Amino acid sequence: MTKLDNQLVAAEREEVAHGIRWLLAAPLITERSQPETFDLVRRRRDPIRQWFDYYCGWTLTVEPRLGYARLVKVRTVTDPTRPARRLRSGRTPFDRRRYALLCVVAAELLAVPVTTIGLLADRVGRATAADDVVPNFDTAIRGERMAFVDVLRLLELYGAVEVVDGTTEAFVDSAEAKVLYRIDATLLLRLLAAPVGASQLAVPVDEVALRFDELLAAVSRERRYGLASGAHDETASHSEVQRNLWLRHSVFRRLVDDPVLYFDDLSADERAYLASPTGRQLLRRAADQAGFVLEERAEGVLLVDTDGIATDTRFPDDAGTAKVAALLLLETLTRPSTMEQLEIEASALLDRFPRWAKTYRDDDGPRQLASDALAVLAEFGLAHQEAGLIRPLPAAARYAVRDARTTGSGETTS
């Protein structure tokens, strides 16, 4: 192989690795919002698709002419840290009303390739009026119009709705605003990352909350594992091939989707698979192909992206007060602590940094700061709260401040 061939192979490997990590951070990439990233994923779609299919069992669909790439990340877990957010300055999470409207609007959009905001509002109004569970949608109320606009703007961001004429935001001030949309029904359907549609379950609405875990497993069911629930079960009928397929996918889904994978959080079969020669070999190969640095500890494993592109949120990060406070509180969280102890430390931080956000400057500030910082630590798998105690998790040792030492040049490091 010539030097040029080697360079081309190295360049392709690097592009495939970047494409994998970009899709992990943003499972929907559109040509309009990320033209260079989409172009790379389009060109390297075959090896990227094979990587996700083999290790995670996730489907990657690339539509070159329609201008989007969609990775369907199926997992039987809930994640309250990733809500849909309003595309406004405060980035407030969607409330229950907006989620309900999102479902109704998406269903009504499937019926038409082109529509106006007024016609769509009328359809949503009739649909909610005919439903005993969903409150009626009333365009005479400004708050309702704003919720409706928030939903449409989110679908615009995803590329499922394209504004042909007008501005969606104008509907907040007037229900008579004129906005024309073009609908991508195929992309709209692909937004749902569940193998089974919720409408197929036909569960009485008053049982949904009580049977939520059961319903989540049902909509995540994947028949290829040969199991009714999509999870491994010794009592279920399955082949050895299906069992190994499920073990590989379940382990790697957690590995690439969670900040850190602790062995204690795995089942005995999953731990045995990861510790086997095959599991170890696949772990190293997957990390190498995706451009991750594999960090292994006695308590678990971690895929480190030194470029910081495989995630939509980072730690450490000085972009927010809560994340800075979380990093500083890790220094004191060397043993199990109570929330009251964490609040005392948070109060000391507020005294130490008087220019921190006004949000934490009232009497309730230390409690709120401690709570927000703890949420950050829990999100990144660095601390866990149970039975009134907050315990540091093994990955927190990565950020421990070590004793200061002096280099030969006289500089002090830690």
Protein backbone atom coordinates (compact mmCIF):
# COMPACT_ATOMS: atom_id res chain seq x y z
CA MET A 1 0.00 0.00 0.00
CA THR A 2 1.41 3.39 -0.99
CA LYS A 3 1.79 6.34 1.32
CA LEU A 4 -1.16 8.03 -0.42
CA ASP A 5 -3.31 4.92 0.12
CA ASN A 6 -2.41 4.94 3.80
CA GLN A 7 -3.38 8.58 4.08
CA LEU A 8 -6.72 7.94 2.39
CA VAL A 9 -7.46 5.01 4.70
CA ALA A 10 -6.53 7.09 7.76
CA ALA A 11 -8.72 9.96 6.56
CA GLU A 12 -11.67 7.63 6.04
CA ARG A 13 -11.25 6.09 9.50
CA GLU A 14 -11.19 9.54 11.04
CA GLU A 15 -14.30 10.65 9.18
CA VAL A 16 -16.20 7.50 10.17
CA ALA A 17 -15.18 8.03 13.80
CA HIS A 18 -16.33 11.65 13.69
CA GLY A 19 -19.62 10.68 12.05
CA ILE A 20 -20.35 8.10 14.77
CA ARG A 21 -19.68 10.58 17.56
CA TRP A 22 -21.65 13.38 15.91
CA LEU A 23 -24.68 11.12 15.62
CA LEU A 24 -24.38 10.10 19.25
CA ALA A 25 -24.58 13.78 20.20
CA ALA A 26 -27.36 14.61 17.71
CA PRO A 27 -29.37 11.61 16.44
CA LEU A 28 -31.06 13.83 13.84
CA ILE A 29 -28.70 15.77 11.58
CA THR A 30 -30.17 17.93 8.82
CA GLU A 31 -28.39 19.39 5.82
CA ARG A 32 -29.96 22.76 6.50
CA SER A 33 -28.69 23.12 10.08
CA GLN A 34 -25.36 21.21 9.81
CA PRO A 35 -24.35 21.06 6.13
CA GLU A 36 -20.73 19.92 6.63
CA THR A 37 -21.61 17.29 9.22
CA PHE A 38 -24.46 15.97 7.10
CA ASP A 39 -22.20 15.76 4.06
CA LEU A 40 -19.67 13.66 5.99
CA VAL A 41 -22.36 11.32 7.33
CA ARG A 42 -23.83 11.02 3.82
CA ARG A 43 -20.46 10.07 2.31
CA ARG A 44 -19.51 7.60 5.07
CA ARG A 45 -23.00 6.31 5.78
CA ASP A 46 -22.28 2.63 5.06
CA PRO A 47 -19.49 2.05 7.65
CA ILE A 48 -21.25 4.34 10.15
CA ARG A 49 -24.52 2.44 9.68
CA GLN A 50 -22.71 -0.88 10.10
CA TRP A 51 -21.08 0.29 13.35
CA PHE A 52 -24.38 1.27 14.95
CA ASP A 53 -26.16 -1.82 13.65
CA TYR A 54 -23.51 -4.29 14.86
CA TYR A 55 -22.69 -2.87 18.28
CA CYS A 56 -25.97 -1.23 19.30
CA GLY A 57 -28.65 -2.63 17.01
CA TRP A 58 -29.69 0.93 16.16
CA THR A 59 -30.91 1.89 12.70
CA LEU A 60 -29.34 4.78 10.81
CA THR A 61 -31.34 6.19 7.92
CA VAL A 62 -29.66 8.67 5.59
CA GLU A 63 -31.78 10.50 3.03
CA PRO A 64 -29.34 12.33 0.71
CA ARG A 65 -32.01 14.03 -1.40
CA LEU A 66 -34.27 14.95 1.52
CA GLY A 67 -31.29 16.21 3.48
CA TYR A 68 -31.29 14.42 6.83
CA ALA A 69 -29.73 11.54 8.75
CA ARG A 70 -31.72 9.91 11.54
CA LEU A 71 -30.28 7.52 14.13
CA VAL A 72 -33.03 5.69 16.00
CA LYS A 73 -31.70 5.11 19.52
CA VAL A 74 -33.99 2.56 21.13
CA ARG A 75 -33.63 2.07 24.90
CA THR A 76 -36.03 0.99 27.60
CA VAL A 77 -35.23 3.83 29.96
CA THR A 78 -36.57 7.25 30.79
CA ASP A 79 -34.32 10.30 30.92
CA PRO A 80 -35.82 13.37 32.62
CA THR A 81 -32.64 15.35 31.87
CA ARG A 82 -33.44 15.51 28.14
CA PRO A 83 -36.87 17.18 27.84
CA ALA A 84 -38.07 18.95 24.71
CA ARG A 85 -37.42 22.66 25.20
CA ARG A 86 -39.10 25.83 24.01
CA LEU A 87 -36.99 27.63 21.42
CA ARG A 88 -36.96 30.86 23.39
CA SER A 89 -34.37 32.64 25.48
CA GLY A 90 -35.10 30.73 28.69
CA ARG A 91 -35.03 27.30 26.97
CA THR A 92 -37.82 26.23 29.34
CA PRO A 93 -38.70 22.51 29.19
CA PHE A 94 -41.98 21.52 27.55
CA ASP A 95 -44.86 21.20 30.01
CA ARG A 96 -47.60 18.57 29.90
CA ARG A 97 -49.78 20.74 27.66
CA ARG A 98 -47.08 21.17 25.04
CA TYR A 99 -46.31 17.47 24.96
CA ALA A 100 -50.00 16.72 24.45
CA LEU A 101 -50.22 19.30 21.68
CA LEU A 102 -47.05 17.89 20.08
CA CYS A 103 -48.73 14.50 19.72
CA VAL A 104 -51.98 15.94 18.37
CA VAL A 105 -50.23 18.32 15.95
CA ALA A 106 -47.96 15.53 14.64
CA ALA A 107 -50.98 13.28 14.07
CA GLU A 108 -52.88 16.00 12.20
CA LEU A 109 -49.85 16.91 10.07
CA LEU A 110 -49.64 13.35 8.76
CA ALA A 111 -52.91 13.85 6.90
CA VAL A 112 -51.77 16.70 4.64
CA PRO A 113 -48.61 17.47 2.59
CA VAL A 114 -49.23 21.24 2.75
CA THR A 115 -51.25 23.31 5.21
CA THR A 116 -51.60 26.73 6.82
CA ILE A 117 -51.29 27.48 10.49
CA GLY A 118 -54.96 28.48 10.65
CA LEU A 119 -56.19 25.25 9.06
CA LEU A 120 -53.90 23.21 11.29
CA ALA A 121 -55.16 25.02 14.39
CA ASP A 122 -58.73 24.24 13.35
CA ARG A 123 -57.89 20.55 12.90
CA VAL A 124 -56.17 20.42 16.30
CA GLY A 125 -59.16 22.18 17.87
CA ARG A 126 -61.60 19.62 16.44
CA ALA A 127 -59.37 16.70 17.42
CA THR A 128 -59.05 17.81 21.03
CA ALA A 129 -62.76 18.58 21.26
CA ALA A 130 -63.50 15.00 20.21
CA ASP A 131 -61.12 13.56 22.83
CA ASP A 132 -62.36 13.12 26.40
CA VAL A 133 -58.82 13.15 27.84
CA VAL A 134 -57.01 16.00 26.09
CA PRO A 135 -58.19 19.51 27.08
CA ASN A 136 -59.73 21.53 24.25
CA PHE A 137 -57.37 23.67 22.20
CA ASP A 138 -58.65 27.24 22.11
CA THR A 139 -56.92 29.74 19.82
CA ALA A 140 -58.68 32.63 21.59
CA ILE A 141 -56.27 32.16 24.54
CA ARG A 142 -52.79 33.63 24.07
CA GLY A 143 -51.12 30.97 26.22
CA GLU A 144 -52.65 28.26 24.04
CA ARG A 145 -51.40 29.94 20.88
CA MET A 146 -47.92 30.24 22.39
CA ALA A 147 -47.88 26.53 23.28
CA PHE A 148 -49.03 25.72 19.75
CA VAL A 149 -46.25 27.88 18.29
CA ASP A 150 -43.64 26.25 20.55
CA VAL A 151 -44.65 22.86 19.18
CA LEU A 152 -44.50 24.00 15.56
CA ARG A 153 -41.12 25.68 16.03
CA LEU A 154 -39.73 22.44 17.48
CA LEU A 155 -40.99 20.52 14.45
CA GLU A 156 -39.44 23.20 12.23
CA LEU A 157 -36.12 22.64 14.00
CA TYR A 158 -36.37 18.91 13.33
CA GLY A 159 -37.12 19.58 9.66
CA ALA A 160 -40.47 17.78 9.76
CA VAL A 161 -42.23 21.09 9.03
CA GLU A 162 -40.91 23.69 6.60
CA VAL A 163 -42.18 27.25 6.52
CA VAL A 164 -42.91 28.19 2.92
CA ASP A 165 -44.38 31.62 3.63
CA GLY A 166 -44.85 33.69 6.78
CA THR A 167 -43.50 33.42 10.34
CA THR A 168 -44.81 30.93 12.90
CA GLU A 169 -44.18 33.30 15.82
CA ALA A 170 -46.75 35.74 14.38
CA PHE A 171 -49.52 33.35 15.48
CA VAL A 172 -48.81 34.19 19.14
CA ASP A 173 -50.02 37.78 18.59
CA SER A 174 -52.85 36.97 16.23
CA ALA A 175 -54.81 33.84 15.36
CA GLU A 176 -55.36 35.42 11.96
CA ALA A 177 -51.66 35.20 11.05
CA LYS A 178 -50.94 33.63 7.67
CA VAL A 179 -48.25 30.93 7.60
CA LEU A 180 -47.87 28.21 4.96
CA TYR A 181 -46.15 24.91 5.73
CA ARG A 182 -44.78 21.97 3.76
CA ILE A 183 -44.82 18.68 5.69
CA ASP A 184 -42.27 15.85 5.56
CA ALA A 185 -44.50 13.02 6.74
CA THR A 186 -41.74 10.40 6.49
CA LEU A 187 -39.42 12.32 8.78
CA LEU A 188 -42.32 13.03 11.10
CA LEU A 189 -42.84 9.28 11.51
CA ARG A 190 -39.12 8.70 12.06
CA LEU A 191 -39.00 11.09 15.01
CA LEU A 192 -40.54 8.39 17.20
CA ALA A 193 -37.75 6.12 18.48
CA ALA A 194 -39.96 3.20 19.45
CA PRO A 195 -40.41 -0.06 17.50
CA VAL A 196 -44.07 -0.31 18.58
CA GLY A 197 -46.51 2.57 18.35
CA ALA A 198 -48.15 3.58 21.61
CA SER A 199 -51.58 3.49 19.92
CA GLN A 200 -51.18 -0.28 19.40
CA LEU A 201 -51.24 -0.95 23.12
CA ALA A 202 -54.83 0.20 23.65
CA VAL A 203 -54.43 0.75 27.38
CA PRO A 204 -57.18 2.58 29.31
CA VAL A 205 -55.94 6.08 30.06
CA ASP A 206 -56.44 5.74 33.82
CA GLU A 207 -54.03 2.77 33.84
CA VAL A 208 -51.17 4.47 31.99
CA ALA A 209 -49.46 5.96 35.07
CA LEU A 210 -49.78 2.74 37.08
CA ARG A 211 -48.44 0.56 34.27
CA PHE A 212 -45.85 2.98 32.90
CA ASP A 213 -42.82 0.66 33.15
CA GLU A 214 -44.77 -2.16 31.52
CA LEU A 215 -45.90 0.15 28.70
CA LEU A 216 -42.38 1.50 28.17
CA ALA A 217 -41.10 -2.06 27.75
CA ALA A 218 -43.96 -2.84 25.38
CA VAL A 219 -43.29 0.08 23.01
CA SER A 220 -39.57 -0.81 23.06
CA ARG A 221 -40.17 -4.46 22.14
CA GLU A 222 -37.80 -5.80 19.47
CA ARG A 223 -38.79 -9.14 18.01
CA ARG A 224 -35.28 -10.05 16.81
CA TYR A 225 -34.30 -10.98 20.37
CA GLY A 226 -37.09 -13.53 20.47
CA LEU A 227 -38.56 -12.08 23.62
CA ALA A 228 -41.90 -10.53 24.30
CA SER A 229 -40.47 -7.59 26.24
CA GLY A 230 -37.29 -7.01 24.27
CA ALA A 231 -35.21 -7.90 27.32
CA HIS A 232 -33.36 -11.08 28.17
CA ASP A 233 -35.37 -13.47 30.28
CA GLU A 234 -34.26 -16.99 31.23
CA THR A 235 -37.85 -18.17 31.21
CA ALA A 236 -38.54 -16.93 27.70
CA SER A 237 -38.03 -18.90 24.54
CA HIS A 238 -34.94 -17.75 22.71
CA SER A 239 -31.92 -19.11 20.88
CA GLU A 240 -28.29 -18.71 21.91
CA VAL A 241 -27.75 -16.43 18.91
CA GLN A 242 -30.60 -14.17 20.02
CA ARG A 243 -29.29 -14.14 23.58
CA ASN A 244 -25.78 -13.10 22.51
CA LEU A 245 -27.23 -10.46 20.17
CA TRP A 246 -29.25 -8.99 23.00
CA LEU A 247 -26.27 -9.04 25.37
CA ARG A 248 -24.06 -7.20 22.87
CA HIS A 249 -26.66 -4.58 22.07
CA SER A 250 -27.77 -3.99 25.65
CA VAL A 251 -24.19 -3.50 26.90
CA PHE A 252 -23.06 -1.25 24.06
CA ARG A 253 -26.23 0.85 24.11
CA ARG A 254 -25.51 1.72 27.72
CA LEU A 255 -21.83 2.20 27.07
CA VAL A 256 -22.30 4.82 24.35
CA ASP A 257 -25.43 6.46 25.77
CA ASP A 258 -24.53 6.77 29.48
CA PRO A 259 -21.73 8.96 30.87
CA VAL A 260 -20.17 5.96 32.61
CA LEU A 261 -21.00 2.24 32.75
CA TYR A 262 -20.70 0.72 36.24
CA PHE A 263 -20.43 -3.08 36.47
CA ASP A 264 -22.80 -3.06 39.46
CA ASP A 265 -25.54 -1.67 37.21
CA LEU A 266 -25.29 -4.64 34.84
CA SER A 267 -26.93 -8.03 35.19
CA ALA A 268 -24.73 -11.07 35.88
CA ASP A 269 -25.03 -12.12 32.22
CA GLU A 270 -24.08 -8.66 30.97
CA ARG A 271 -21.05 -8.52 33.27
CA ALA A 272 -19.95 -11.98 32.14
CA TYR A 273 -20.33 -10.97 28.48
CA LEU A 274 -18.29 -7.79 28.94
CA ALA A 275 -15.57 -9.72 30.83
CA SER A 276 -15.36 -12.50 28.21
CA PRO A 277 -12.56 -12.51 25.59
CA THR A 278 -15.15 -11.72 22.91
CA GLY A 279 -16.62 -8.87 24.93
CA ARG A 280 -13.22 -7.37 25.71
CA GLN A 281 -12.16 -7.58 22.07
CA LEU A 282 -15.37 -5.94 20.84
CA LEU A 283 -15.10 -3.23 23.49
CA ARG A 284 -11.63 -2.20 22.33
CA ARG A 285 -12.52 -2.47 18.64
CA ALA A 286 -15.69 -0.37 19.02
CA ALA A 287 -13.82 2.33 20.95
CA ASP A 288 -11.04 2.41 18.34
CA GLN A 289 -13.39 2.60 15.36
CA ALA A 290 -15.39 5.43 16.93
CA GLY A 291 -12.31 7.38 18.05
CA PHE A 292 -12.90 7.00 21.80
CA VAL A 293 -10.25 6.53 24.47
CA LEU A 294 -11.25 3.51 26.55
CA GLU A 295 -10.87 4.12 30.29
CA GLU A 296 -11.16 0.98 32.40
CA ARG A 297 -11.41 0.86 36.17
CA ALA A 298 -12.24 -1.88 38.62
CA GLU A 299 -15.76 -0.46 39.01
CA GLY A 300 -16.63 0.09 35.35
CA VAL A 301 -15.67 1.42 31.95
CA LEU A 302 -15.91 4.80 30.27
CA LEU A 303 -15.60 5.92 26.67
CA VAL A 304 -13.76 9.24 26.68
CA ASP A 305 -14.15 11.55 23.70
CA THR A 306 -11.13 13.82 23.88
CA ASP A 307 -12.63 16.00 21.13
CA GLY A 308 -15.81 16.50 23.16
CA ILE A 309 -18.18 16.01 20.23
CA ALA A 310 -20.03 12.84 21.23
CA THR A 311 -22.31 14.50 23.75
CA ASP A 312 -24.81 17.34 23.94
CA THR A 313 -23.64 18.32 27.42
CA ARG A 314 -20.20 18.38 29.04
CA PHE A 315 -18.56 18.09 32.43
CA PRO A 316 -16.48 19.88 33.61
CA ASP A 317 -17.93 22.97 31.98
CA ASP A 318 -17.81 26.60 33.10
CA ALA A 319 -20.88 27.50 31.01
CA GLY A 320 -23.22 27.38 34.03
CA THR A 321 -23.03 28.10 37.75
CA ALA A 322 -24.48 24.70 38.68
CA LYS A 323 -21.76 22.82 36.76
CA VAL A 324 -18.98 24.90 38.30
CA ALA A 325 -20.46 24.40 41.76
CA ALA A 326 -20.80 20.66 41.09
CA LEU A 327 -17.10 20.38 40.25
CA LEU A 328 -16.13 22.33 43.39
CA LEU A 329 -18.49 20.34 45.61
CA LEU A 330 -16.82 17.12 44.43
CA GLU A 331 -13.75 18.23 46.41
CA THR A 332 -15.78 18.02 49.63
CA LEU A 333 -17.84 15.00 48.65
CA THR A 334 -15.23 12.45 49.64
CA ARG A 335 -17.62 10.48 51.84
CA PRO A 336 -21.41 10.04 52.17
CA SER A 337 -22.99 13.39 53.05
CA THR A 338 -26.44 14.71 53.84
CA MET A 339 -28.23 17.35 51.80
CA GLU A 340 -27.83 19.75 54.71
CA GLN A 341 -24.04 19.33 54.57
CA LEU A 342 -24.08 19.96 50.84
CA GLU A 343 -26.13 23.13 51.38
CA ILE A 344 -23.53 24.40 53.90
CA GLU A 345 -20.80 23.85 51.32
CA ALA A 346 -22.92 25.57 48.67
CA SER A 347 -23.39 28.55 51.00
CA ALA A 348 -19.61 28.77 51.42
CA LEU A 349 -19.21 28.77 47.64
CA LEU A 350 -21.68 31.65 47.32
CA ASP A 351 -19.61 33.63 49.85
CA ARG A 352 -16.44 32.74 47.98
CA PHE A 353 -17.82 33.79 44.60
CA PRO A 354 -20.02 36.88 45.19
CA ARG A 355 -20.56 37.45 41.47
CA TRP A 356 -22.33 34.15 40.89
CA ALA A 357 -25.85 34.16 39.40
CA LYS A 358 -28.55 36.22 41.13
CA THR A 359 -30.73 33.11 41.00
CA TYR A 360 -28.85 31.83 44.06
CA ARG A 361 -28.70 35.11 46.00
CA ASP A 362 -31.90 34.90 48.04
CA ASP A 363 -32.38 33.00 51.30
CA ASP A 364 -33.17 29.82 49.40
CA GLY A 365 -30.05 30.17 47.21
CA PRO A 366 -27.75 27.64 48.95
CA ARG A 367 -30.46 24.96 48.93
CA GLN A 368 -31.22 25.58 45.25
CA LEU A 369 -27.53 25.63 44.30
CA ALA A 370 -26.88 22.38 46.17
CA SER A 371 -29.90 20.78 44.50
CA ASP A 372 -28.88 21.93 41.00
CA ALA A 373 -25.27 20.83 41.52
CA LEU A 374 -26.40 17.43 42.78
CA ALA A 375 -28.57 17.04 39.68
CA VAL A 376 -25.48 17.67 37.55
CA LEU A 377 -23.44 15.10 39.47
CA ALA A 378 -26.21 12.52 39.18
CA GLU A 379 -26.63 13.21 35.45
CA PHE A 380 -22.94 12.47 34.82
CA GLY A 381 -22.81 9.37 37.03
CA LEU A 382 -20.60 11.03 39.65
CA ALA A 383 -22.89 10.92 42.71
CA HIS A 384 -26.00 9.11 43.85
CA GLN A 385 -28.61 10.03 46.45
CA GLU A 386 -30.26 7.25 48.41
CA ALA A 387 -31.89 7.00 51.83
CA GLY A 388 -31.09 10.62 52.60
CA LEU A 389 -27.38 10.29 51.88
CA ILE A 390 -25.41 11.53 48.89
CA ARG A 391 -22.61 9.17 47.93
CA PRO A 392 -19.76 9.88 45.50
CA LEU A 393 -19.50 7.27 42.75
CA PRO A 394 -16.18 5.83 41.53
CA ALA A 395 -15.99 8.04 38.42
CA ALA A 396 -15.80 11.09 40.70
CA ALA A 397 -12.18 10.12 41.38
CA ARG A 398 -11.33 11.37 37.87
CA TYR A 399 -11.82 14.93 39.13
CA ALA A 400 -10.15 14.61 42.51
CA VAL A 401 -7.66 17.38 43.29
CA ARG A 402 -4.32 15.78 44.07
CA ASP A 403 -1.54 17.14 46.21
CA ALA A 404 0.32 20.04 44.66
CA ARG A 405 3.74 19.22 43.34
CA THR A 406 6.55 21.38 41.98
CA THR A 407 8.16 20.82 38.62
CA GLY A 408 11.82 21.33 37.87
CA SER A 409 11.05 24.79 36.47
CA GLY A 410 9.44 25.81 39.72
CA GLU A 411 5.84 25.74 38.39
CA THR A 412 3.20 24.37 40.72
CA THR A 413 0.80 21.71 39.35
CA SER A 414 -1.87 19.46 40.85
